[in-house]
Protein backbone atom coordinates (compact mmCIF):
# COMPACT_ATOMS: atom_id res chain seq x y z
CA MET A 1 -0.01 -0.03 -0.07
CA TYR A 2 2.71 2.22 0.91
CA ASP A 3 3.99 2.49 -2.89
CA LEU A 4 0.82 2.92 -3.90
CA MET A 5 0.61 6.54 -1.98
CA PHE A 6 3.53 7.56 -4.36
CA ASP A 7 1.59 6.62 -7.52
CA ASP A 8 -1.00 9.20 -9.19
CA ASN A 9 -3.31 6.45 -9.67
CA GLY A 10 -2.62 4.53 -6.57
CA ASN A 11 -2.89 7.88 -4.52
CA PHE A 12 -6.33 8.42 -6.00
CA VAL A 13 -7.65 5.06 -4.57
CA ILE A 14 -6.24 5.54 -1.05
CA SER A 15 -7.52 8.95 -1.00
CA LYS A 16 -10.76 7.31 -2.05
CA ILE A 17 -10.23 4.77 0.66
CA ILE A 18 -9.61 7.30 3.41
CA LYS A 19 -12.53 9.52 2.37
CA VAL A 20 -15.52 6.71 2.40
CA MET A 21 -14.52 3.68 4.41
CA PRO A 22 -15.12 3.00 7.78
CA LYS A 23 -12.72 3.97 10.51
CA HIS A 24 -10.99 0.85 11.34
CA ILE A 25 -9.71 0.40 7.87
CA VAL A 26 -8.63 3.92 7.23
CA LEU A 27 -6.65 3.35 10.44
CA VAL A 28 -5.08 0.66 8.70
CA VAL A 29 -3.91 3.06 5.67
CA ALA A 30 -2.60 5.54 8.61
CA GLU A 31 -0.69 3.00 10.34
CA CYS A 32 0.93 2.29 7.07
CA CYS A 33 1.95 5.77 7.20
CA ARG A 34 3.63 5.38 10.66
CA GLY A 35 7.22 6.14 10.54
CA ARG A 36 7.19 7.73 7.00
CA CYS A 37 5.26 10.82 7.79
CA TYR A 38 8.18 13.31 6.52
CA LYS A 39 8.94 11.24 3.38
CA LEU A 40 5.26 11.14 2.46
CA SER A 41 4.47 14.93 3.24
CA ARG A 42 7.55 15.68 0.62
CA ASP A 43 6.11 14.05 -2.12
CA LYS A 44 3.68 15.42 -5.11
CA SER A 45 1.05 12.91 -4.79
CA ALA A 46 1.91 10.77 -0.98
CA CYS A 47 1.57 14.47 0.63
CA ARG A 48 -2.51 14.17 -0.27
CA ILE A 49 -2.73 11.28 1.84
CA VAL A 50 -1.26 12.91 4.84
CA GLN A 51 -3.82 15.83 4.31
CA ARG A 52 -6.59 13.38 3.61
CA LEU A 53 -5.69 11.64 7.00
CA LEU A 54 -5.37 14.86 8.92
CA ASP A 55 -8.82 15.70 7.61
CA ARG A 56 -10.42 12.57 8.61
CA PHE A 57 -9.25 12.00 12.32
CA PRO A 58 -9.09 14.34 15.26
CA SER A 59 -5.20 15.00 15.97
CA GLU A 60 -5.32 12.83 18.76
CA GLU A 61 -6.36 9.53 17.11
CA ILE A 62 -3.57 10.20 14.45
CA ARG A 63 -1.03 12.18 17.02
CA PHE A 64 1.85 10.04 15.39
CA ILE A 65 1.82 12.03 12.00
CA PHE A 66 2.43 15.64 13.68
CA ASP A 67 4.88 13.93 16.16
CA GLU A 68 6.93 12.47 13.21
CA LEU A 69 6.75 16.30 11.55
CA LYS A 70 7.89 18.24 14.74
CA ALA A 71 11.50 17.87 14.25
CA GLU A 72 11.31 18.67 10.40
CA ILE A 73 8.98 21.72 10.39
CA ASN A 74 11.50 24.25 8.94
CA ALA A 75 12.68 21.78 6.13
CA LEU A 76 8.69 21.04 5.55
CA VAL A 77 7.93 25.16 5.46
CA LEU A 78 10.62 25.24 2.48
CA ASP A 79 9.32 22.15 0.71
CA GLU A 80 7.42 22.20 -2.49
CA PHE A 81 4.87 19.78 -1.01
CA GLY A 82 5.39 19.63 2.32
CA ASN A 83 4.62 22.89 2.88
CA TYR A 84 0.91 21.85 2.16
CA VAL A 85 1.21 19.43 4.96
CA LEU A 86 1.81 22.00 7.37
CA SER A 87 -0.92 24.49 6.24
CA HIS A 88 -3.30 21.84 6.61
CA VAL A 89 -2.04 21.32 10.27
CA LEU A 90 -2.79 24.62 10.85
CA LEU A 91 -6.16 24.59 9.57
CA CYS A 92 -7.10 21.01 11.15
CA GLY A 93 -4.49 20.41 14.02
CA THR A 94 -4.58 21.15 17.53
CA TYR A 95 -4.19 24.48 19.18
CA GLU A 96 -0.75 23.48 20.50
CA ASP A 97 0.09 21.97 17.29
CA LYS A 98 -0.36 25.59 15.48
CA CYS A 99 1.30 27.16 18.36
CA TYR A 100 4.31 25.01 17.75
CA ILE A 101 4.58 25.70 14.11
CA ILE A 102 4.55 29.27 14.47
CA ASP A 103 6.71 29.20 17.20
CA LYS A 104 9.21 27.22 15.19
CA ILE A 105 8.92 29.49 12.21
CA LEU A 106 9.26 32.82 14.45
CA ASP A 107 12.45 31.18 15.65
CA ASP A 108 13.93 30.86 12.48
CA ILE A 109 13.31 34.18 11.42
CA VAL A 110 14.37 35.84 14.63
């Protein structure tokens, strides 16, 4: 399943699974992303999977996604596709996640 996330057609199918399938099935997709969220976030197609998971679940249920991205905030801000994932966290994430991103960006500026 992981390889399909990087393929334009496979990505479309996985995005549909995330959107329409029951939660317990979608959590299998989320688990497939564990340990790989940074790499997924930097890919043209795969970044959409991370965004769809952020849309579908409350932050607490997929906490590992943001936890994996935390160390790479500055790189993701500048990344062609990673910036979309961070923008999505700013829309869907917890207040604490949003503050963390803003603080990291501001620390880099100052």
